[in-house]
């Protein structure tokens, strides 16, 4: 399970070090999948959780409109990643351009996946969550 949050820097062009705790979750292969999220973040999935999500989408027949649209919403925004020997991975240039990440990002655990957030967006997200918590209590 992906837990915790880590502030980190890019170590070269589009290259991030994945926290050791998250690398352990990925296992020995160091293979995972990233997907553009809906709020300016990236979602990262280990192969097992990625397969579950993809299989859920692929259950819908391609011949139907719903199946086609679900595929178009997911797969074009996804990439396979492999960690190098130092636990680093490279974000595709397309992701960098869409997300406008700066030097620093947060990598956070979200249970079945991890997320990569721009520092400012993550702080705004935290403020929003805090307001929502206050509203509910």
C-alpha atoms as a PDB file:
ATOM      1  CA  UNK A   1       0.000   0.000   0.000  1.00  0.00           C
ATOM      2  CA  UNK A   2       1.298   3.446  -0.915  1.00  0.00           C
ATOM      3  CA  UNK A   3       1.425   5.638   2.213  1.00  0.00           C
ATOM      4  CA  UNK A   4       3.024   8.934   3.228  1.00  0.00           C
ATOM      5  CA  UNK A   5       4.086  12.075   1.413  1.00  0.00           C
ATOM      6  CA  UNK A   6       7.500  13.171   0.212  1.00  0.00           C
ATOM      7  CA  UNK A   7       8.760  16.486  -1.111  1.00  0.00           C
ATOM      8  CA  UNK A   8      11.367  15.928  -3.807  1.00  0.00           C
ATOM      9  CA  UNK A   9      13.237  17.656  -6.617  1.00  0.00           C
ATOM     10  CA  UNK A  10      13.759  16.762 -10.238  1.00  0.00           C
ATOM     11  CA  UNK A  11      17.210  15.210 -10.690  1.00  0.00           C
ATOM     12  CA  UNK A  12      17.851  16.135 -14.281  1.00  0.00           C
ATOM     13  CA  UNK A  13      15.523  16.704 -17.178  1.00  0.00           C
ATOM     14  CA  UNK A  14      12.067  15.350 -16.284  1.00  0.00           C
ATOM     15  CA  UNK A  15      13.619  12.778 -13.925  1.00  0.00           C
ATOM     16  CA  UNK A  16      12.288  12.028 -10.426  1.00  0.00           C
ATOM     17  CA  UNK A  17      13.465   9.701  -7.698  1.00  0.00           C
ATOM     18  CA  UNK A  18      10.637   7.541  -6.411  1.00  0.00           C
ATOM     19  CA  UNK A  19      10.747   7.271  -2.595  1.00  0.00           C
ATOM     20  CA  UNK A  20      12.261   4.020  -1.330  1.00  0.00           C
ATOM     21  CA  UNK A  21       9.010   3.086   0.421  1.00  0.00           C
ATOM     22  CA  UNK A  22       7.144   3.286  -2.890  1.00  0.00           C
ATOM     23  CA  UNK A  23       9.869   1.376  -4.739  1.00  0.00           C
ATOM     24  CA  UNK A  24       9.352  -1.496  -2.294  1.00  0.00           C
ATOM     25  CA  UNK A  25       5.655  -1.526  -3.190  1.00  0.00           C
ATOM     26  CA  UNK A  26       6.555  -1.940  -6.855  1.00  0.00           C
ATOM     27  CA  UNK A  27       8.673  -5.025  -6.183  1.00  0.00           C
ATOM     28  CA  UNK A  28      11.858  -6.117  -7.880  1.00  0.00           C
ATOM     29  CA  UNK A  29      10.903  -5.269 -11.445  1.00  0.00           C
ATOM     30  CA  UNK A  30      10.578  -1.517 -10.870  1.00  0.00           C
ATOM     31  CA  UNK A  31       7.900  -1.374 -13.526  1.00  0.00           C
ATOM     32  CA  UNK A  32       4.830   0.797 -13.106  1.00  0.00           C
ATOM     33  CA  UNK A  33       2.295   2.855 -15.032  1.00  0.00           C
ATOM     34  CA  UNK A  34       1.562   6.557 -14.868  1.00  0.00           C
ATOM     35  CA  UNK A  35      -1.592   8.333 -15.876  1.00  0.00           C
ATOM     36  CA  UNK A  36      -2.506  11.999 -16.103  1.00  0.00           C
ATOM     37  CA  UNK A  37      -4.945  12.745 -13.296  1.00  0.00           C
ATOM     38  CA  UNK A  38      -7.866  15.124 -13.469  1.00  0.00           C
ATOM     39  CA  UNK A  39      -6.547  17.915 -11.228  1.00  0.00           C
ATOM     40  CA  UNK A  40      -3.047  18.587 -12.522  1.00  0.00           C
ATOM     41  CA  UNK A  41      -1.429  15.525 -10.937  1.00  0.00           C
ATOM     42  CA  UNK A  42      -0.014  12.213 -12.106  1.00  0.00           C
ATOM     43  CA  UNK A  43      -1.226   8.866 -10.795  1.00  0.00           C
ATOM     44  CA  UNK A  44       1.218   5.963 -10.532  1.00  0.00           C
ATOM     45  CA  UNK A  45       0.119   2.310 -10.373  1.00  0.00           C
ATOM     46  CA  UNK A  46       1.971  -0.912  -9.691  1.00  0.00           C
ATOM     47  CA  UNK A  47       1.355  -3.563 -12.390  1.00  0.00           C
ATOM     48  CA  UNK A  48      -1.297  -5.392 -10.349  1.00  0.00           C
ATOM     49  CA  UNK A  49      -3.470  -2.339  -9.676  1.00  0.00           C
ATOM     50  CA  UNK A  50      -2.963  -1.085 -13.213  1.00  0.00           C
ATOM     51  CA  UNK A  51      -4.156  -4.436 -14.574  1.00  0.00           C
ATOM     52  CA  UNK A  52      -7.269  -4.324 -12.383  1.00  0.00           C
ATOM     53  CA  UNK A  53      -8.137  -0.837 -13.597  1.00  0.00           C
ATOM     54  CA  UNK A  54      -7.420  -1.657 -17.257  1.00  0.00           C
ATOM     55  CA  UNK A  55      -9.407  -4.898 -17.074  1.00  0.00           C
ATOM     56  CA  UNK A  56     -12.360  -2.956 -15.661  1.00  0.00           C
ATOM     57  CA  UNK A  57     -12.275  -0.671 -18.700  1.00  0.00           C
ATOM     58  CA  UNK A  58     -11.737  -3.497 -21.171  1.00  0.00           C
ATOM     59  CA  UNK A  59     -14.825  -5.344 -19.891  1.00  0.00           C
ATOM     60  CA  UNK A  60     -16.927  -2.836 -21.764  1.00  0.00           C
ATOM     61  CA  UNK A  61     -17.288  -3.941 -25.392  1.00  0.00           C
ATOM     62  CA  UNK A  62     -15.277  -1.906 -27.871  1.00  0.00           C
ATOM     63  CA  UNK A  63     -18.237  -2.056 -30.224  1.00  0.00           C
ATOM     64  CA  UNK A  64     -20.300   0.041 -27.804  1.00  0.00           C
ATOM     65  CA  UNK A  65     -19.971   3.790 -27.327  1.00  0.00           C
ATOM     66  CA  UNK A  66     -19.308   3.476 -23.586  1.00  0.00           C
ATOM     67  CA  UNK A  67     -16.453   1.006 -24.092  1.00  0.00           C
ATOM     68  CA  UNK A  68     -14.866   3.134 -26.757  1.00  0.00           C
ATOM     69  CA  UNK A  69     -15.087   6.336 -24.690  1.00  0.00           C
ATOM     70  CA  UNK A  70     -13.706   4.677 -21.558  1.00  0.00           C
ATOM     71  CA  UNK A  71     -10.696   3.451 -23.524  1.00  0.00           C
ATOM     72  CA  UNK A  72     -10.131   6.903 -25.026  1.00  0.00           C
ATOM     73  CA  UNK A  73     -10.254   8.525 -21.589  1.00  0.00           C
ATOM     74  CA  UNK A  74      -7.683   6.175 -20.063  1.00  0.00           C
ATOM     75  CA  UNK A  75      -5.113   4.663 -22.378  1.00  0.00           C
ATOM     76  CA  UNK A  76      -3.956   7.731 -24.367  1.00  0.00           C
ATOM     77  CA  UNK A  77      -3.105   9.481 -21.078  1.00  0.00           C
ATOM     78  CA  UNK A  78      -1.010   6.591 -19.734  1.00  0.00           C
ATOM     79  CA  UNK A  79       2.640   5.533 -20.019  1.00  0.00           C
ATOM     80  CA  UNK A  80       4.700   2.593 -18.832  1.00  0.00           C
ATOM     81  CA  UNK A  81       7.731   3.488 -16.671  1.00  0.00           C
ATOM     82  CA  UNK A  82      10.775   1.572 -15.509  1.00  0.00           C
ATOM     83  CA  UNK A  83      12.951   2.637 -12.586  1.00  0.00           C
ATOM     84  CA  UNK A  84      16.679   2.885 -13.200  1.00  0.00           C
ATOM     85  CA  UNK A  85      19.227   1.462 -10.752  1.00  0.00           C
ATOM     86  CA  UNK A  86      18.994   4.619  -8.614  1.00  0.00           C
ATOM     87  CA  UNK A  87      15.202   4.504  -8.327  1.00  0.00           C
ATOM     88  CA  UNK A  88      14.610   7.268 -10.865  1.00  0.00           C
ATOM     89  CA  UNK A  89      12.084   7.508 -13.660  1.00  0.00           C
ATOM     90  CA  UNK A  90      11.529   9.985 -16.446  1.00  0.00           C
ATOM     91  CA  UNK A  91       8.241  11.776 -16.933  1.00  0.00           C
ATOM     92  CA  UNK A  92       7.260  12.068 -20.591  1.00  0.00           C
ATOM     93  CA  UNK A  93       7.714  15.555 -22.042  1.00  0.00           C
ATOM     94  CA  UNK A  94       4.000  15.634 -22.882  1.00  0.00           C
ATOM     95  CA  UNK A  95       3.165  15.236 -19.192  1.00  0.00           C
ATOM     96  CA  UNK A  96       5.617  17.971 -18.230  1.00  0.00           C
ATOM     97  CA  UNK A  97       4.100  20.389 -20.721  1.00  0.00           C
ATOM     98  CA  UNK A  98       0.526  19.709 -19.628  1.00  0.00           C
ATOM     99  CA  UNK A  99       1.264  19.858 -15.900  1.00  0.00           C
ATOM    100  CA  UNK A 100       3.816  22.670 -15.824  1.00  0.00           C
ATOM    101  CA  UNK A 101       5.774  21.126 -12.953  1.00  0.00           C
ATOM    102  CA  UNK A 102       8.535  23.263 -11.466  1.00  0.00           C
ATOM    103  CA  UNK A 103      11.687  22.083  -9.634  1.00  0.00           C
ATOM    104  CA  UNK A 104       9.898  20.584  -6.626  1.00  0.00           C
ATOM    105  CA  UNK A 105       6.977  18.196  -6.378  1.00  0.00           C
ATOM    106  CA  UNK A 106       5.211  16.130  -3.749  1.00  0.00           C
ATOM    107  CA  UNK A 107       4.925  12.397  -4.231  1.00  0.00           C
ATOM    108  CA  UNK A 108       2.099  11.153  -2.049  1.00  0.00           C
ATOM    109  CA  UNK A 109       0.677   7.776  -1.191  1.00  0.00           C
ATOM    110  CA  UNK A 110      -2.979   7.218  -2.027  1.00  0.00           C
ATOM    111  CA  UNK A 111      -3.459   3.593  -0.981  1.00  0.00           C
ATOM    112  CA  UNK A 112      -3.632   1.600  -4.201  1.00  0.00           C
ATOM    113  CA  UNK A 113      -1.533   4.147  -6.119  1.00  0.00           C
ATOM    114  CA  UNK A 114       0.777   7.120  -5.638  1.00  0.00           C
ATOM    115  CA  UNK A 115       0.408  10.633  -7.000  1.00  0.00           C
ATOM    116  CA  UNK A 116       2.850  13.321  -8.125  1.00  0.00           C
ATOM    117  CA  UNK A 117       1.732  16.896  -7.464  1.00  0.00           C
ATOM    118  CA  UNK A 118       3.164  20.322  -8.156  1.00  0.00           C
ATOM    119  CA  UNK A 119       4.002  21.905  -4.772  1.00  0.00           C
ATOM    120  CA  UNK A 120       1.539  24.788  -5.182  1.00  0.00           C
ATOM    121  CA  UNK A 121      -1.289  22.605  -6.447  1.00  0.00           C
ATOM    122  CA  UNK A 122      -0.785  20.146  -3.583  1.00  0.00           C
ATOM    123  CA  UNK A 123      -0.964  22.972  -1.023  1.00  0.00           C
ATOM    124  CA  UNK A 124      -4.194  24.239  -2.629  1.00  0.00           C
ATOM    125  CA  UNK A 125      -5.559  20.695  -2.566  1.00  0.00           C
ATOM    126  CA  UNK A 126      -4.705  20.423   1.137  1.00  0.00           C
ATOM    127  CA  UNK A 127      -6.502  23.720   1.845  1.00  0.00           C
ATOM    128  CA  UNK A 128      -9.534  22.492  -0.060  1.00  0.00           C
ATOM    129  CA  UNK A 129      -9.552  19.214   1.903  1.00  0.00           C
ATOM    130  CA  UNK A 130      -9.239  21.111   5.182  1.00  0.00           C
ATOM    131  CA  UNK A 131     -12.223  23.339   4.297  1.00  0.00           C
ATOM    132  CA  UNK A 132     -14.245  20.277   3.328  1.00  0.00           C
ATOM    133  CA  UNK A 133     -13.351  18.588   6.652  1.00  0.00           C
ATOM    134  CA  UNK A 134     -14.413  21.706   8.564  1.00  0.00           C
ATOM    135  CA  UNK A 135     -17.673  21.888   6.639  1.00  0.00           C
ATOM    136  CA  UNK A 136     -18.463  18.248   7.414  1.00  0.00           C
ATOM    137  CA  UNK A 137     -17.611  18.423  11.136  1.00  0.00           C
END
